[in-house]
Amino acid sequence: MRTKQTIAALLSGCAALLLAGCAGGGEVASVGSADAPAVAAEQAPVRQTRAPAGGDGQARDEAGRAGGEAGRDPASGVEVTRQDREVIYTGRMTVRVKDVAVAAQQAKDIVTGAGGHLAKEETRSSEHANASAELEFKIPPARYPDVLTRLGGDLGERLSLNQQTEDVTLMVADVESRVKSAERSLESLRTLLTKADTIGQVLDVEREIAAREANLESLQAQRKSLAEQTAMATLTLRLAGPAAAVTTPSDEPAGFFGGLRAGWESLVTFLMVLVTALGAALPWLVMITPPVVLAAVLLRRRRRRTAPPASGPPAPDPSTA
């Protein structure tokens, strides 16, 4: 009986020791976690005192570079320059109007008010109802959409509108680069001309200068043409009277059927031209054919009359028999 009590007492003591150990470990862990911020706070000034002597600005620059290299993409440090696009705008519009002359003057006023001008005009005025006109305008690209809307809505009934856009930015840059290169080459040749010693050298350099000047003038003409095309949009406006015939462009099928249609249309056109030419030549043939046939018959009869009679084979010689 005493032995059982002794064993029970020992087990109770071991359990008490185990509970005490667990409680002590928990206190240590809680103390460690609570003191961690204080330790970090004590270590932070130590790291700051070890910074290089270059000053706070240098330290901030180094830290910024390190942070930027760690958190940015490879292209973030590249400065992108926006380039203005050079675009050529061309359009063709057909409008049916009540009075062609009045509509033409109204179209001129609209384009002139937008900063454009009239480049070419062609008017066909046979009758009031069948009159038509074709005007070519130069319009600033910024006002081009507004002018299209006004011309198509204010003048009359818009029948068709075709627009084309061509980006020539690379072409303009290429021509500009070639012009600058040609100018530098000419300057070098003119400098070389002042150092030429003999007449032959002078002639050779002058010949090369003349060729380079011609090339430079051609490039400058291309640059001027591109500048004019990109500075102003081109709009061809056709005005048709109430009874004037208007051909609207139709969408042509592509591929095999498009080629078949184009071939058939070309064949029909060729036959129409052939028949037209035959009709134009038929009256002349009627007038010329009888005299030509009569002259041919008379000439043939005359040849028959003047032809010598046909001679037979020579008679045999009796002495040779």
Protein backbone atom coordinates (compact mmCIF):
# COMPACT_ATOMS: atom_id res chain seq x y z
CA MET A 1 0.00 0.00 0.00
CA ARG A 2 2.79 2.39 0.87
CA THR A 3 4.57 1.45 -2.34
CA LYS A 4 1.56 2.49 -4.42
CA GLN A 5 1.38 5.80 -2.60
CA THR A 6 5.07 6.40 -3.17
CA ILE A 7 4.70 5.70 -6.93
CA ALA A 8 1.74 8.05 -7.15
CA ALA A 9 3.69 10.77 -5.39
CA LEU A 10 6.60 10.37 -7.80
CA LEU A 11 4.29 10.57 -10.83
CA SER A 12 2.68 13.72 -9.44
CA GLY A 13 6.08 15.30 -8.92
CA CYS A 14 7.18 14.48 -12.50
CA ALA A 15 3.98 15.97 -13.88
CA ALA A 16 4.54 19.12 -11.86
CA LEU A 17 8.09 19.43 -13.16
CA LEU A 18 6.92 18.97 -16.75
CA LEU A 19 4.26 21.66 -16.35
CA ALA A 20 6.79 24.03 -14.86
CA GLY A 21 9.19 23.43 -17.75
CA CYS A 22 6.50 24.14 -20.34
CA ALA A 23 5.49 27.30 -18.55
CA GLY A 24 9.10 28.46 -18.41
CA GLY A 25 9.64 27.82 -22.15
CA GLY A 26 6.54 29.83 -23.00
CA GLU A 27 7.80 32.76 -20.98
CA VAL A 28 11.17 32.64 -22.69
CA ALA A 29 9.55 32.57 -26.11
CA SER A 30 7.30 35.46 -25.27
CA VAL A 31 10.15 37.47 -23.90
CA GLY A 32 12.24 36.79 -27.02
CA SER A 33 9.43 37.88 -29.33
CA ALA A 34 8.78 40.99 -27.35
CA ASP A 35 12.42 42.04 -27.22
CA ALA A 36 13.03 41.45 -31.00
CA PRO A 37 11.85 44.95 -32.11
CA ALA A 38 14.03 46.53 -29.45
CA VAL A 39 17.07 44.59 -30.62
CA ALA A 40 16.35 45.56 -34.25
CA ALA A 41 16.00 49.18 -33.17
CA GLU A 42 19.32 49.02 -31.40
CA GLN A 43 21.01 47.48 -34.48
CA ALA A 44 19.60 50.00 -36.96
CA PRO A 45 21.68 52.98 -35.76
CA VAL A 46 24.77 50.79 -35.87
CA ARG A 47 24.20 50.14 -39.64
CA GLN A 48 23.66 53.85 -40.28
CA THR A 49 26.89 54.80 -38.52
CA ARG A 50 28.74 52.43 -40.85
CA ALA A 51 27.59 54.27 -44.03
CA PRO A 52 30.34 55.66 -46.26
CA ALA A 53 31.59 59.17 -45.71
CA GLY A 54 30.17 60.41 -49.03
CA GLY A 55 27.13 61.94 -47.35
CA ASP A 56 23.45 61.17 -47.22
CA GLY A 57 22.91 62.17 -50.90
CA GLN A 58 25.35 59.55 -52.15
CA ALA A 59 23.76 56.93 -49.93
CA ARG A 60 20.31 57.83 -51.23
CA ASP A 61 21.53 57.69 -54.83
CA GLU A 62 23.04 54.27 -54.33
CA ALA A 63 19.92 53.03 -52.60
CA GLY A 64 17.73 54.44 -55.40
CA ARG A 65 19.84 52.81 -58.09
CA ALA A 66 19.74 49.49 -56.27
CA GLY A 67 15.98 49.68 -55.81
CA GLY A 68 15.44 50.74 -59.41
CA GLU A 69 17.55 47.93 -60.80
CA ALA A 70 15.70 45.44 -58.65
CA GLY A 71 12.15 46.59 -59.43
CA ARG A 72 12.07 47.91 -63.01
CA ASP A 73 11.85 46.25 -66.40
CA PRO A 74 14.81 46.33 -68.81
CA ALA A 75 13.28 49.08 -71.00
CA SER A 76 12.23 51.43 -68.20
CA GLY A 77 15.42 53.49 -68.43
CA VAL A 78 15.07 54.15 -72.18
CA GLU A 79 13.79 57.58 -73.11
CA VAL A 80 11.24 57.27 -75.91
CA THR A 81 10.89 60.25 -78.25
CA ARG A 82 7.49 60.72 -79.88
CA GLN A 83 7.78 61.33 -83.61
CA ASP A 84 5.17 63.21 -85.60
CA ARG A 85 3.77 61.08 -88.39
CA GLU A 86 3.86 62.36 -91.97
CA VAL A 87 0.63 61.27 -93.66
CA ILE A 88 -0.76 62.01 -97.14
CA TYR A 89 -4.56 62.30 -97.26
CA THR A 90 -6.40 62.03 -100.58
CA GLY A 91 -10.11 61.80 -101.18
CA ARG A 92 -12.69 61.84 -103.96
CA MET A 93 -16.33 62.81 -103.38
CA THR A 94 -19.36 62.97 -105.69
CA VAL A 95 -22.34 65.13 -104.72
CA ARG A 96 -25.59 65.66 -106.60
CA VAL A 97 -26.74 69.27 -106.36
CA LYS A 98 -29.59 71.40 -107.66
CA ASP A 99 -27.41 74.15 -109.14
CA VAL A 100 -23.80 73.31 -110.04
CA ALA A 101 -22.60 76.91 -110.20
CA VAL A 102 -24.06 77.84 -106.82
CA ALA A 103 -22.76 74.63 -105.20
CA ALA A 104 -19.29 75.19 -106.64
CA GLN A 105 -19.10 78.68 -105.16
CA GLN A 106 -20.38 77.39 -101.83
CA ALA A 107 -17.73 74.64 -101.82
CA LYS A 108 -15.02 77.23 -102.50
CA ASP A 109 -16.22 79.33 -99.58
CA ILE A 110 -16.20 76.30 -97.23
CA VAL A 111 -12.68 75.26 -98.20
CA THR A 112 -11.32 78.82 -98.10
CA GLY A 113 -12.84 79.34 -94.66
CA ALA A 114 -11.01 76.22 -93.45
CA GLY A 115 -7.65 77.54 -94.64
CA GLY A 116 -7.52 75.66 -97.95
CA HIS A 117 -7.55 76.76 -101.56
CA LEU A 118 -8.72 75.71 -105.02
CA ALA A 119 -6.02 73.98 -107.07
CA LYS A 120 -7.89 72.99 -110.24
CA GLU A 121 -11.38 73.42 -111.68
CA GLU A 122 -13.15 71.88 -114.67
CA THR A 123 -16.77 72.72 -115.50
CA ARG A 124 -19.09 71.13 -118.06
CA SER A 125 -22.20 73.27 -118.50
CA SER A 126 -24.33 72.10 -121.42
CA GLU A 127 -27.75 72.39 -119.78
CA HIS A 128 -28.73 73.41 -116.29
CA ALA A 129 -29.87 69.92 -115.30
CA ASN A 130 -26.99 68.10 -117.02
CA ALA A 131 -24.22 70.43 -115.85
CA SER A 132 -21.30 69.07 -113.86
CA ALA A 133 -18.08 70.34 -112.36
CA GLU A 134 -14.91 68.84 -110.94
CA LEU A 135 -12.91 70.81 -108.38
CA GLU A 136 -9.62 69.88 -106.71
CA PHE A 137 -9.05 71.41 -103.29
CA LYS A 138 -6.03 71.56 -100.98
CA ILE A 139 -7.15 71.40 -97.34
CA PRO A 140 -5.17 71.46 -94.06
CA PRO A 141 -5.17 67.93 -92.59
CA ALA A 142 -6.51 69.18 -89.25
CA ARG A 143 -9.65 70.57 -90.92
CA TYR A 144 -9.98 67.78 -93.49
CA PRO A 145 -12.69 65.70 -91.66
CA ASP A 146 -14.79 68.78 -90.90
CA VAL A 147 -14.63 69.95 -94.52
CA LEU A 148 -15.67 66.51 -95.77
CA THR A 149 -18.70 66.54 -93.47
CA ARG A 150 -19.77 70.01 -94.56
CA LEU A 151 -19.31 69.38 -98.28
CA GLY A 152 -21.22 66.11 -98.11
CA GLY A 153 -24.09 67.56 -96.08
CA ASP A 154 -24.48 71.21 -97.04
CA LEU A 155 -24.18 71.05 -100.83
CA GLY A 156 -26.67 68.31 -101.64
CA GLU A 157 -26.87 64.52 -101.71
CA ARG A 158 -23.56 62.72 -101.32
CA LEU A 159 -23.37 59.83 -103.78
CA SER A 160 -19.89 58.44 -103.10
CA LEU A 161 -16.79 59.07 -101.03
CA ASN A 162 -13.41 57.39 -101.48
CA GLN A 163 -10.54 58.15 -99.10
CA GLN A 164 -6.91 57.04 -99.11
CA THR A 165 -4.22 57.48 -96.45
CA GLU A 166 -0.50 56.89 -96.92
CA ASP A 167 2.07 57.12 -94.13
CA VAL A 168 5.32 58.51 -95.60
CA THR A 169 7.19 59.16 -92.36
CA LEU A 170 10.04 56.81 -93.25
CA MET A 171 10.24 58.20 -96.79
CA VAL A 172 10.47 61.77 -95.50
CA ALA A 173 13.19 60.80 -93.01
CA ASP A 174 15.13 58.97 -95.71
CA VAL A 175 14.99 61.89 -98.15
CA GLU A 176 16.00 64.33 -95.42
CA SER A 177 18.98 62.16 -94.47
CA ARG A 178 20.07 61.87 -98.10
CA VAL A 179 19.82 65.64 -98.57
CA LYS A 180 22.05 66.29 -95.58
CA SER A 181 24.56 63.67 -96.77
CA ALA A 182 24.65 65.22 -100.26
CA GLU A 183 25.19 68.70 -98.79
CA ARG A 184 28.12 67.47 -96.69
CA SER A 185 29.61 65.73 -99.70
CA LEU A 186 29.36 68.92 -101.75
CA GLU A 187 31.09 70.90 -99.02
CA SER A 188 33.94 68.40 -98.98
CA LEU A 189 34.30 68.56 -102.77
CA ARG A 190 34.36 72.36 -102.76
CA THR A 191 37.07 72.27 -100.11
CA LEU A 192 38.98 69.77 -102.23
CA LEU A 193 38.62 72.04 -105.26
CA THR A 194 40.55 74.80 -103.50
CA LYS A 195 43.43 72.37 -102.94
CA ALA A 196 43.61 71.06 -106.53
CA ASP A 197 47.01 71.70 -108.16
CA THR A 198 46.61 70.66 -111.79
CA ILE A 199 44.01 71.43 -114.43
CA GLY A 200 43.08 67.74 -114.64
CA GLN A 201 42.34 67.59 -110.93
CA VAL A 202 40.27 70.77 -111.14
CA LEU A 203 38.22 69.37 -114.05
CA ASP A 204 37.64 66.07 -112.28
CA VAL A 205 36.48 67.75 -109.08
CA GLU A 206 34.22 70.16 -110.98
CA ARG A 207 32.67 67.27 -112.89
CA GLU A 208 31.99 65.44 -109.64
CA ILE A 209 30.56 68.62 -108.08
CA ALA A 210 28.17 69.04 -111.03
CA ALA A 211 26.94 65.45 -110.65
CA ARG A 212 26.47 65.85 -106.89
CA GLU A 213 24.61 69.14 -107.36
CA ALA A 214 22.20 67.49 -109.81
CA ASN A 215 21.57 64.70 -107.30
CA LEU A 216 21.06 67.23 -104.52
CA GLU A 217 18.54 69.20 -106.60
CA SER A 218 16.60 66.01 -107.31
CA LEU A 219 16.49 65.14 -103.60
CA GLN A 220 15.43 68.66 -102.72
CA ALA A 221 12.60 68.43 -105.26
CA GLN A 222 11.45 65.15 -103.69
CA ARG A 223 11.55 66.72 -100.25
CA LYS A 224 9.53 69.71 -101.44
CA SER A 225 6.93 67.47 -103.10
CA LEU A 226 6.54 65.36 -99.96
CA ALA A 227 6.26 68.48 -97.84
CA GLU A 228 3.50 69.86 -100.06
CA GLN A 229 1.60 66.56 -100.05
CA THR A 230 1.77 66.16 -96.28
CA ALA A 231 1.06 69.83 -95.54
CA MET A 232 -2.24 69.80 -97.44
CA ALA A 233 -4.82 67.05 -98.01
CA THR A 234 -6.10 66.67 -101.57
CA LEU A 235 -9.84 66.40 -102.18
CA THR A 236 -11.38 66.02 -105.63
CA LEU A 237 -15.02 67.11 -105.52
CA ARG A 238 -17.36 66.27 -108.38
CA LEU A 239 -20.66 68.14 -108.57
CA ALA A 240 -23.43 66.67 -110.71
CA GLY A 241 -26.67 68.34 -111.73
CA PRO A 242 -30.11 66.80 -111.15
CA ALA A 243 -30.07 64.93 -114.50
CA ALA A 244 -26.33 64.43 -114.98
CA ALA A 245 -25.12 60.85 -115.37
CA VAL A 246 -22.93 59.71 -112.51
CA THR A 247 -20.86 56.53 -112.46
CA THR A 248 -20.39 55.27 -108.93
CA PRO A 249 -17.44 52.98 -108.24
CA SER A 250 -18.50 49.40 -107.57
CA ASP A 251 -16.74 46.86 -105.44
CA GLU A 252 -14.96 44.41 -107.71
CA PRO A 253 -14.50 40.82 -106.53
CA ALA A 254 -10.96 39.67 -105.93
CA GLY A 255 -9.22 36.51 -107.05
CA PHE A 256 -10.34 34.31 -109.94
CA PHE A 257 -13.75 35.93 -110.41
CA GLY A 258 -12.23 39.38 -110.37
CA GLY A 259 -9.77 38.38 -113.10
CA LEU A 260 -12.56 36.71 -115.09
CA ARG A 261 -14.66 39.85 -114.89
CA ALA A 262 -11.74 42.08 -115.89
CA GLY A 263 -10.92 39.80 -118.84
CA TRP A 264 -14.52 39.76 -120.03
CA GLU A 265 -14.76 43.53 -119.79
CA SER A 266 -11.52 43.95 -121.74
CA LEU A 267 -12.80 41.54 -124.45
CA VAL A 268 -16.07 43.46 -124.75
CA THR A 269 -14.16 46.73 -124.97
CA PHE A 270 -11.88 45.33 -127.71
CA LEU A 271 -14.88 44.10 -129.75
CA MET A 272 -16.61 47.45 -129.40
CA VAL A 273 -13.49 49.25 -130.61
CA LEU A 274 -13.15 46.80 -133.52
CA VAL A 275 -16.79 47.22 -134.55
CA THR A 276 -16.49 51.01 -134.27
CA ALA A 277 -13.40 51.01 -136.48
CA LEU A 278 -15.12 48.75 -139.02
CA GLY A 279 -18.15 51.04 -139.08
CA ALA A 280 -15.92 54.06 -139.65
CA ALA A 281 -14.04 52.33 -142.48
CA LEU A 282 -17.09 50.80 -144.23
CA PRO A 283 -18.08 53.90 -146.24
CA TRP A 284 -14.52 54.22 -147.53
CA LEU A 285 -14.43 50.55 -148.46
CA VAL A 286 -17.71 50.93 -150.40
CA MET A 287 -16.27 53.83 -152.36
CA ILE A 288 -12.80 52.41 -152.98
CA THR A 289 -13.56 48.72 -153.67
CA PRO A 290 -15.36 49.02 -157.09
CA PRO A 291 -12.63 51.13 -158.79
CA VAL A 292 -9.92 48.86 -157.43
CA VAL A 293 -11.70 45.72 -158.67
CA LEU A 294 -12.31 47.28 -162.12
CA ALA A 295 -8.68 48.32 -162.43
CA ALA A 296 -7.53 44.83 -161.49
CA VAL A 297 -9.80 43.23 -164.15
CA LEU A 298 -8.63 45.59 -166.92
CA LEU A 299 -4.99 45.04 -166.04
CA ARG A 300 -5.45 41.28 -166.20
CA ARG A 301 -7.08 41.44 -169.66
CA ARG A 302 -4.32 43.63 -170.97
CA ARG A 303 -1.69 41.20 -169.81
CA ARG A 304 -3.48 38.36 -171.60
CA ARG A 305 -3.57 40.29 -174.87
CA THR A 306 0.11 41.29 -174.83
CA ALA A 307 1.40 37.91 -173.77
CA PRO A 308 3.36 36.05 -176.64
CA PRO A 309 1.86 32.82 -178.00
CA ALA A 310 3.13 29.67 -176.47
CA SER A 311 5.68 27.89 -178.76
CA GLY A 312 5.68 24.11 -179.17
CA PRO A 313 8.67 21.77 -178.90
CA PRO A 314 11.41 22.21 -181.60
CA ALA A 315 11.19 20.01 -184.71
CA PRO A 316 13.81 17.23 -184.99
CA ASP A 317 16.74 17.83 -187.34
CA PRO A 318 16.68 15.31 -190.27
CA SER A 319 20.46 15.37 -190.65
CA THR A 320 20.93 14.01 -187.24
CA ALA A 321 18.58 11.11 -187.84
